[in-house]
Amino acid sequence: MNINTSQIVSISEANQNFSRVARIVDKAGSVVIFKNNKPKYRLTDIEDDGEFQITDEEKLGIASSRVLRKYKKALEELAK
């Protein structure tokens, strides 16, 4: 298995800074988490995982959640 070094994190880093690890997954598609200096776990984006199937309705829900989260402050201002 070839692993891109920018997609490697230690288990302690994943535990302490999960949001950073999630951003790497958003950008690269997956992260390999090392435990005791050996690859142990892989965190992947389920939208890109061929084994995990979601419906178009679920995809729309994910997309709308992302848009709402991204523009939350602007929408709150408009609601005033």
PDB file of N, CA and C in Angstrom:
ATOM      1  N   MET A   1       0.853  -1.171   0.000  1.00  0.00           N
ATOM      2  CA  MET A   1       0.000   0.000   0.000  1.00  0.00           C
ATOM      3  C   MET A   1       0.902   1.239   0.000  1.00  0.00           C
ATOM      4  N   ASN A   2       0.673   2.138  -0.953  1.00  0.00           N
ATOM      5  CA  ASN A   2       1.381   3.413  -0.988  1.00  0.00           C
ATOM      6  C   ASN A   2       0.554   4.456  -0.253  1.00  0.00           C
ATOM      7  N   ILE A   3       1.202   5.219   0.615  1.00  0.00           N
ATOM      8  CA  ILE A   3       0.515   6.221   1.417  1.00  0.00           C
ATOM      9  C   ILE A   3       1.178   7.565   1.185  1.00  0.00           C
ATOM     10  N   ASN A   4       0.387   8.554   0.835  1.00  0.00           N
ATOM     11  CA  ASN A   4       0.882   9.912   0.695  1.00  0.00           C
ATOM     12  C   ASN A   4       1.190  10.451   2.095  1.00  0.00           C
ATOM     13  N   THR A   5       2.390  10.956   2.292  1.00  0.00           N
ATOM     14  CA  THR A   5       2.794  11.397   3.636  1.00  0.00           C
ATOM     15  C   THR A   5       1.948  12.548   4.152  1.00  0.00           C
ATOM     16  N   SER A   6       1.332  13.320   3.265  1.00  0.00           N
ATOM     17  CA  SER A   6       0.465  14.409   3.737  1.00  0.00           C
ATOM     18  C   SER A   6      -0.861  13.876   4.280  1.00  0.00           C
ATOM     19  N   GLN A   7      -1.108  12.589   4.100  1.00  0.00           N
ATOM     20  CA  GLN A   7      -2.342  11.969   4.565  1.00  0.00           C
ATOM     21  C   GLN A   7      -2.101  11.054   5.762  1.00  0.00           C
ATOM     22  N   ILE A   8      -0.984  11.250   6.459  1.00  0.00           N
ATOM     23  CA  ILE A   8      -0.657  10.438   7.634  1.00  0.00           C
ATOM     24  C   ILE A   8      -0.778  11.294   8.884  1.00  0.00           C
ATOM     25  N   VAL A   9      -1.467  10.769   9.884  1.00  0.00           N
ATOM     26  CA  VAL A   9      -1.525  11.434  11.189  1.00  0.00           C
ATOM     27  C   VAL A   9      -1.356  10.375  12.269  1.00  0.00           C
ATOM     28  N   SER A  10      -0.858  10.804  13.399  1.00  0.00           N
ATOM     29  CA  SER A  10      -0.737   9.879  14.525  1.00  0.00           C
ATOM     30  C   SER A  10      -2.094   9.760  15.211  1.00  0.00           C
ATOM     31  N   ILE A  11      -2.269   8.710  15.949  1.00  0.00           N
ATOM     32  CA  ILE A  11      -3.534   8.516  16.653  1.00  0.00           C
ATOM     33  C   ILE A  11      -3.742   9.609  17.702  1.00  0.00           C
ATOM     34  N   SER A  12      -2.660  10.067  18.329  1.00  0.00           N
ATOM     35  CA  SER A  12      -2.812  11.134  19.326  1.00  0.00           C
ATOM     36  C   SER A  12      -3.211  12.448  18.653  1.00  0.00           C
ATOM     37  N   GLU A  13      -2.651  12.728  17.469  1.00  0.00           N
ATOM     38  CA  GLU A  13      -3.060  13.938  16.757  1.00  0.00           C
ATOM     39  C   GLU A  13      -4.517  13.846  16.318  1.00  0.00           C
ATOM     40  N   ALA A  14      -4.933  12.676  15.840  1.00  0.00           N
ATOM     41  CA  ALA A  14      -6.324  12.493  15.434  1.00  0.00           C
ATOM     42  C   ALA A  14      -7.259  12.692  16.621  1.00  0.00           C
ATOM     43  N   ASN A  15      -6.842  12.248  17.783  1.00  0.00           N
ATOM     44  CA  ASN A  15      -7.639  12.393  18.992  1.00  0.00           C
ATOM     45  C   ASN A  15      -7.713  13.850  19.441  1.00  0.00           C
ATOM     46  N   GLN A  16      -6.598  14.553  19.384  1.00  0.00           N
ATOM     47  CA  GLN A  16      -6.537  15.921  19.901  1.00  0.00           C
ATOM     48  C   GLN A  16      -7.009  16.966  18.903  1.00  0.00           C
ATOM     49  N   ASN A  17      -6.934  16.667  17.613  1.00  0.00           N
ATOM     50  CA  ASN A  17      -7.262  17.677  16.609  1.00  0.00           C
ATOM     51  C   ASN A  17      -8.046  17.047  15.463  1.00  0.00           C
ATOM     52  N   PHE A  18      -9.194  16.479  15.802  1.00  0.00           N
ATOM     53  CA  PHE A  18      -9.978  15.764  14.803  1.00  0.00           C
ATOM     54  C   PHE A  18     -10.443  16.674  13.674  1.00  0.00           C
ATOM     55  N   SER A  19     -10.741  17.935  13.965  1.00  0.00           N
ATOM     56  CA  SER A  19     -11.214  18.830  12.905  1.00  0.00           C
ATOM     57  C   SER A  19     -10.147  19.009  11.828  1.00  0.00           C
ATOM     58  N   ARG A  20      -8.876  19.061  12.207  1.00  0.00           N
ATOM     59  CA  ARG A  20      -7.790  19.160  11.229  1.00  0.00           C
ATOM     60  C   ARG A  20      -7.741  17.889  10.380  1.00  0.00           C
ATOM     61  N   VAL A  21      -7.885  16.745  11.012  1.00  0.00           N
ATOM     62  CA  VAL A  21      -7.871  15.470  10.295  1.00  0.00           C
ATOM     63  C   VAL A  21      -9.054  15.420   9.317  1.00  0.00           C
ATOM     64  N   ALA A  22     -10.211  15.882   9.751  1.00  0.00           N
ATOM     65  CA  ALA A  22     -11.387  15.897   8.873  1.00  0.00           C
ATOM     66  C   ALA A  22     -11.155  16.806   7.666  1.00  0.00           C
ATOM     67  N   ARG A  23     -10.473  17.932   7.861  1.00  0.00           N
ATOM     68  CA  ARG A  23     -10.170  18.824   6.732  1.00  0.00           C
ATOM     69  C   ARG A  23      -9.240  18.138   5.728  1.00  0.00           C
ATOM     70  N   ILE A  24      -8.303  17.349   6.223  1.00  0.00           N
ATOM     71  CA  ILE A  24      -7.423  16.599   5.325  1.00  0.00           C
ATOM     72  C   ILE A  24      -8.247  15.600   4.513  1.00  0.00           C
ATOM     73  N   VAL A  25      -9.175  14.925   5.177  1.00  0.00           N
ATOM     74  CA  VAL A  25     -10.040  13.970   4.478  1.00  0.00           C
ATOM     75  C   VAL A  25     -10.884  14.693   3.437  1.00  0.00           C
ATOM     76  N   ASP A  26     -11.423  15.869   3.792  1.00  0.00           N
ATOM     77  CA  ASP A  26     -12.208  16.638   2.826  1.00  0.00           C
ATOM     78  C   ASP A  26     -11.387  16.980   1.588  1.00  0.00           C
ATOM     79  N   LYS A  27     -10.130  17.280   1.785  1.00  0.00           N
ATOM     80  CA  LYS A  27      -9.254  17.680   0.681  1.00  0.00           C
ATOM     81  C   LYS A  27      -8.711  16.474  -0.090  1.00  0.00           C
ATOM     82  N   ALA A  28      -8.258  15.453   0.625  1.00  0.00           N
ATOM     83  CA  ALA A  28      -7.547  14.338  -0.008  1.00  0.00           C
ATOM     84  C   ALA A  28      -8.382  13.070  -0.176  1.00  0.00           C
ATOM     85  N   GLY A  29      -9.509  12.970   0.501  1.00  0.00           N
ATOM     86  CA  GLY A  29     -10.360  11.787   0.385  1.00  0.00           C
ATOM     87  C   GLY A  29     -10.187  10.765   1.488  1.00  0.00           C
ATOM     88  N   SER A  30      -8.985  10.729   2.085  1.00  0.00           N
ATOM     89  CA  SER A  30      -8.768   9.792   3.182  1.00  0.00           C
ATOM     90  C   SER A  30      -7.526  10.180   3.970  1.00  0.00           C
ATOM     91  N   VAL A  31      -7.421   9.613   5.155  1.00  0.00           N
ATOM     92  CA  VAL A  31      -6.269   9.802   6.037  1.00  0.00           C
ATOM     93  C   VAL A  31      -5.937   8.439   6.629  1.00  0.00           C
ATOM     94  N   VAL A  32      -4.644   8.166   6.749  1.00  0.00           N
ATOM     95  CA  VAL A  32      -4.202   6.946   7.424  1.00  0.00           C
ATOM     96  C   VAL A  32      -3.725   7.351   8.813  1.00  0.00           C
ATOM     97  N   ILE A  33      -4.275   6.698   9.814  1.00  0.00           N
ATOM     98  CA  ILE A  33      -3.933   7.001  11.204  1.00  0.00           C
ATOM     99  C   ILE A  33      -2.968   5.924  11.702  1.00  0.00           C
ATOM    100  N   PHE A  34      -1.812   6.385  12.159  1.00  0.00           N
ATOM    101  CA  PHE A  34      -0.780   5.478  12.652  1.00  0.00           C
ATOM    102  C   PHE A  34      -0.902   5.292  14.161  1.00  0.00           C
ATOM    103  N   LYS A  35      -0.707   4.063  14.591  1.00  0.00           N
ATOM    104  CA  LYS A  35      -0.660   3.737  16.016  1.00  0.00           C
ATOM    105  C   LYS A  35       0.620   2.939  16.239  1.00  0.00           C
ATOM    106  N   ASN A  36       1.429   3.380  17.192  1.00  0.00           N
ATOM    107  CA  ASN A  36       2.727   2.735  17.456  1.00  0.00           C
ATOM    108  C   ASN A  36       3.587   2.666  16.188  1.00  0.00           C
ATOM    109  N   ASN A  37       3.578   3.767  15.433  1.00  0.00           N
ATOM    110  CA  ASN A  37       4.389   3.919  14.223  1.00  0.00           C
ATOM    111  C   ASN A  37       4.050   2.933  13.114  1.00  0.00           C
ATOM    112  N   LYS A  38       2.821   2.431  13.116  1.00  0.00           N
ATOM    113  CA  LYS A  38       2.364   1.523  12.068  1.00  0.00           C
ATOM    114  C   LYS A  38       0.986   1.963  11.604  1.00  0.00           C
ATOM    115  N   PRO A  39       0.683   1.848  10.307  1.00  0.00           N
ATOM    116  CA  PRO A  39      -0.664   2.204   9.849  1.00  0.00           C
ATOM    117  C   PRO A  39      -1.700   1.283  10.489  1.00  0.00           C
ATOM    118  N   LYS A  40      -2.696   1.879  11.121  1.00  0.00           N
ATOM    119  CA  LYS A  40      -3.688   1.084  11.855  1.00  0.00           C
ATOM    120  C   LYS A  40      -5.115   1.319  11.351  1.00  0.00           C
ATOM    121  N   TYR A  41      -5.457   2.589  11.074  1.00  0.00           N
ATOM    122  CA  TYR A  41      -6.823   2.936  10.697  1.00  0.00           C
ATOM    123  C   TYR A  41      -6.811   3.811   9.454  1.00  0.00           C
ATOM    124  N   ARG A  42      -7.927   3.812   8.735  1.00  0.00           N
ATOM    125  CA  ARG A  42      -8.093   4.719   7.612  1.00  0.00           C
ATOM    126  C   ARG A  42      -9.433   5.426   7.770  1.00  0.00           C
ATOM    127  N   LEU A  43      -9.393   6.739   7.703  1.00  0.00           N
ATOM    128  CA  LEU A  43     -10.600   7.547   7.771  1.00  0.00           C
ATOM    129  C   LEU A  43     -10.883   8.035   6.361  1.00  0.00           C
ATOM    130  N   THR A  44     -12.067   7.746   5.849  1.00  0.00           N
ATOM    131  CA  THR A  44     -12.410   8.122   4.481  1.00  0.00           C
ATOM    132  C   THR A  44     -13.706   8.912   4.446  1.00  0.00           C
ATOM    133  N   ASP A  45     -13.864   9.657   3.378  1.00  0.00           N
ATOM    134  CA  ASP A  45     -15.103  10.370   3.108  1.00  0.00           C
ATOM    135  C   ASP A  45     -16.101   9.349   2.578  1.00  0.00           C
ATOM    136  N   ILE A  46     -17.210   9.148   3.257  1.00  0.00           N
ATOM    137  CA  ILE A  46     -18.143   8.096   2.849  1.00  0.00           C
ATOM    138  C   ILE A  46     -18.776   8.381   1.496  1.00  0.00           C
ATOM    139  N   GLU A  47     -18.790   9.649   1.080  1.00  0.00           N
ATOM    140  CA  GLU A  47     -19.328   9.961  -0.243  1.00  0.00           C
ATOM    141  C   GLU A  47     -18.433   9.395  -1.341  1.00  0.00           C
ATOM    142  N   ASP A  48     -17.153   9.233  -1.067  1.00  0.00           N
ATOM    143  CA  ASP A  48     -16.204   8.711  -2.048  1.00  0.00           C
ATOM    144  C   ASP A  48     -15.962   7.219  -1.903  1.00  0.00           C
ATOM    145  N   ASP A  49     -16.545   6.607  -0.899  1.00  0.00           N
ATOM    146  CA  ASP A  49     -16.336   5.193  -0.618  1.00  0.00           C
ATOM    147  C   ASP A  49     -17.323   4.356  -1.430  1.00  0.00           C
ATOM    148  N   GLY A  50     -16.813   3.534  -2.316  1.00  0.00           N
ATOM    149  CA  GLY A  50     -17.674   2.714  -3.165  1.00  0.00           C
ATOM    150  C   GLY A  50     -18.462   1.665  -2.408  1.00  0.00           C
ATOM    151  N   GLU A  51     -18.015   1.292  -1.226  1.00  0.00           N
ATOM    152  CA  GLU A  51     -18.708   0.277  -0.443  1.00  0.00           C
ATOM    153  C   GLU A  51     -19.908   0.838   0.304  1.00  0.00           C
ATOM    154  N   PHE A  52     -19.920   2.139   0.485  1.00  0.00           N
ATOM    155  CA  PHE A  52     -20.990   2.767   1.266  1.00  0.00           C
ATOM    156  C   PHE A  52     -21.881   3.544   0.305  1.00  0.00           C
ATOM    157  N   GLN A  53     -23.097   3.092   0.130  1.00  0.00           N
ATOM    158  CA  GLN A  53     -24.013   3.717  -0.816  1.00  0.00           C
ATOM    159  C   GLN A  53     -25.037   4.579  -0.072  1.00  0.00           C
ATOM    160  N   ILE A  54     -25.222   5.811  -0.562  1.00  0.00           N
ATOM    161  CA  ILE A  54     -26.264   6.666  -0.003  1.00  0.00           C
ATOM    162  C   ILE A  54     -27.168   7.120  -1.138  1.00  0.00           C
ATOM    163  N   THR A  55     -28.394   7.419  -0.793  1.00  0.00           N
ATOM    164  CA  THR A  55     -29.371   7.818  -1.802  1.00  0.00           C
ATOM    165  C   THR A  55     -29.128   9.264  -2.238  1.00  0.00           C
ATOM    166  N   ASP A  56     -29.754   9.631  -3.355  1.00  0.00           N
ATOM    167  CA  ASP A  56     -29.650  11.008  -3.826  1.00  0.00           C
ATOM    168  C   ASP A  56     -30.243  11.975  -2.800  1.00  0.00           C
ATOM    169  N   GLU A  57     -31.299  11.563  -2.124  1.00  0.00           N
ATOM    170  CA  GLU A  57     -31.910  12.398  -1.093  1.00  0.00           C
ATOM    171  C   GLU A  57     -30.936  12.640   0.065  1.00  0.00           C
ATOM    172  N   GLU A  58     -30.212  11.604   0.455  1.00  0.00           N
ATOM    173  CA  GLU A  58     -29.215  11.750   1.509  1.00  0.00           C
ATOM    174  C   GLU A  58     -28.071  12.656   1.054  1.00  0.00           C
ATOM    175  N   LYS A  59     -27.649  12.519  -0.216  1.00  0.00           N
ATOM    176  CA  LYS A  59     -26.609  13.392  -0.756  1.00  0.00           C
ATOM    177  C   LYS A  59     -27.062  14.848  -0.737  1.00  0.00           C
ATOM    178  N   LEU A  60     -28.325  15.078  -1.092  1.00  0.00           N
ATOM    179  CA  LEU A  60     -28.871  16.428  -1.064  1.00  0.00           C
ATOM    180  C   LEU A  60     -28.881  16.976   0.358  1.00  0.00           C
ATOM    181  N   GLY A  61     -29.202  16.136   1.324  1.00  0.00           N
ATOM    182  CA  GLY A  61     -29.180  16.551   2.728  1.00  0.00           C
ATOM    183  C   GLY A  61     -27.781  16.936   3.179  1.00  0.00           C
ATOM    184  N   ILE A  62     -26.790  16.167   2.763  1.00  0.00           N
ATOM    185  CA  ILE A  62     -25.401  16.475   3.104  1.00  0.00           C
ATOM    186  C   ILE A  62     -24.990  17.798   2.469  1.00  0.00           C
ATOM    187  N   ALA A  63     -25.306  17.954   1.193  1.00  0.00           N
ATOM    188  CA  ALA A  63     -24.934  19.185   0.484  1.00  0.00           C
ATOM    189  C   ALA A  63     -25.610  20.401   1.094  1.00  0.00           C
ATOM    190  N   SER A  64     -26.890  20.293   1.410  1.00  0.00           N
ATOM    191  CA  SER A  64     -27.592  21.440   1.987  1.00  0.00           C
ATOM    192  C   SER A  64     -27.048  21.769   3.379  1.00  0.00           C
ATOM    193  N   SER A  65     -26.676  20.759   4.145  1.00  0.00           N
ATOM    194  CA  SER A  65     -26.073  21.009   5.454  1.00  0.00           C
ATOM    195  C   SER A  65     -24.760  21.756   5.326  1.00  0.00           C
ATOM    196  N   ARG A  66     -23.967  21.385   4.327  1.00  0.00           N
ATOM    197  CA  ARG A  66     -22.693  22.072   4.106  1.00  0.00           C
ATOM    198  C   ARG A  66     -22.912  23.531   3.725  1.00  0.00           C
ATOM    199  N   VAL A  67     -23.876  23.786   2.855  1.00  0.00           N
ATOM    200  CA  VAL A  67     -24.160  25.163   2.432  1.00  0.00           C
ATOM    201  C   VAL A  67     -24.648  25.981   3.622  1.00  0.00           C
ATOM    202  N   LEU A  68     -25.557  25.425   4.388  1.00  0.00           N
ATOM    203  CA  LEU A  68     -26.072  26.142   5.552  1.00  0.00           C
ATOM    204  C   LEU A  68     -24.980  26.421   6.568  1.00  0.00           C
ATOM    205  N   ARG A  69     -24.115  25.453   6.786  1.00  0.00           N
ATOM    206  CA  ARG A  69     -23.014  25.642   7.731  1.00  0.00           C
ATOM    207  C   ARG A  69     -22.041  26.715   7.230  1.00  0.00           C
ATOM    208  N   LYS A  70     -21.771  26.695   5.933  1.00  0.00           N
ATOM    209  CA  LYS A  70     -20.826  27.647   5.353  1.00  0.00           C
ATOM    210  C   LYS A  70     -21.344  29.080   5.432  1.00  0.00           C
ATOM    211  N   TYR A  71     -22.638  29.267   5.204  1.00  0.00           N
ATOM    212  CA  TYR A  71     -23.216  30.612   5.146  1.00  0.00           C
ATOM    213  C   TYR A  71     -24.089  30.942   6.352  1.00  0.00           C
ATOM    214  N   LYS A  72     -23.884  30.241   7.452  1.00  0.00           N
ATOM    215  CA  LYS A  72     -24.713  30.411   8.644  1.00  0.00           C
ATOM    216  C   LYS A  72     -24.736  31.853   9.132  1.00  0.00           C
ATOM    217  N   LYS A  73     -23.559  32.471   9.248  1.00  0.00           N
ATOM    218  CA  LYS A  73     -23.503  33.840   9.758  1.00  0.00           C
ATOM    219  C   LYS A  73     -24.248  34.802   8.844  1.00  0.00           C
ATOM    220  N   ALA A  74     -24.069  34.665   7.553  1.00  0.00           N
ATOM    221  CA  ALA A  74     -24.749  35.543   6.600  1.00  0.00           C
ATOM    222  C   ALA A  74     -26.269  35.335   6.684  1.00  0.00           C
ATOM    223  N   LEU A  75     -26.696  34.097   6.786  1.00  0.00           N
ATOM    224  CA  LEU A  75     -28.133  33.826   6.892  1.00  0.00           C
ATOM    225  C   LEU A  75     -28.724  34.363   8.183  1.00  0.00           C
ATOM    226  N   GLU A  76     -27.960  34.282   9.278  1.00  0.00           N
ATOM    227  CA  GLU A  76     -28.428  34.845  10.538  1.00  0.00           C
ATOM    228  C   GLU A  76     -28.585  36.356  10.443  1.00  0.00           C
ATOM    229  N   GLU A  77     -27.659  37.012   9.746  1.00  0.00           N
ATOM    230  CA  GLU A  77     -27.751  38.457   9.555  1.00  0.00           C
ATOM    231  C   GLU A  77     -28.977  38.813   8.714  1.00  0.00           C
ATOM    232  N   LEU A  78     -29.231  38.051   7.687  1.00  0.00           N
ATOM    233  CA  LEU A  78     -30.392  38.317   6.839  1.00  0.00           C
ATOM    234  C   LEU A  78     -31.706  38.106   7.595  1.00  0.00           C
ATOM    235  N   ALA A  79     -31.692  37.221   8.556  1.00  0.00           N
ATOM    236  CA  ALA A  79     -32.911  36.909   9.311  1.00  0.00           C
ATOM    237  C   ALA A  79     -33.281  38.010  10.312  1.00  0.00           C
ATOM    238  N   LYS A  80     -32.350  38.917  10.592  1.00  0.00           N
ATOM    239  CA  LYS A  80     -32.620  39.973  11.575  1.00  0.00           C
ATOM    240  C   LYS A  80     -33.597  40.990  11.059  1.00  0.00           C
TER     241      LYS A  80
END
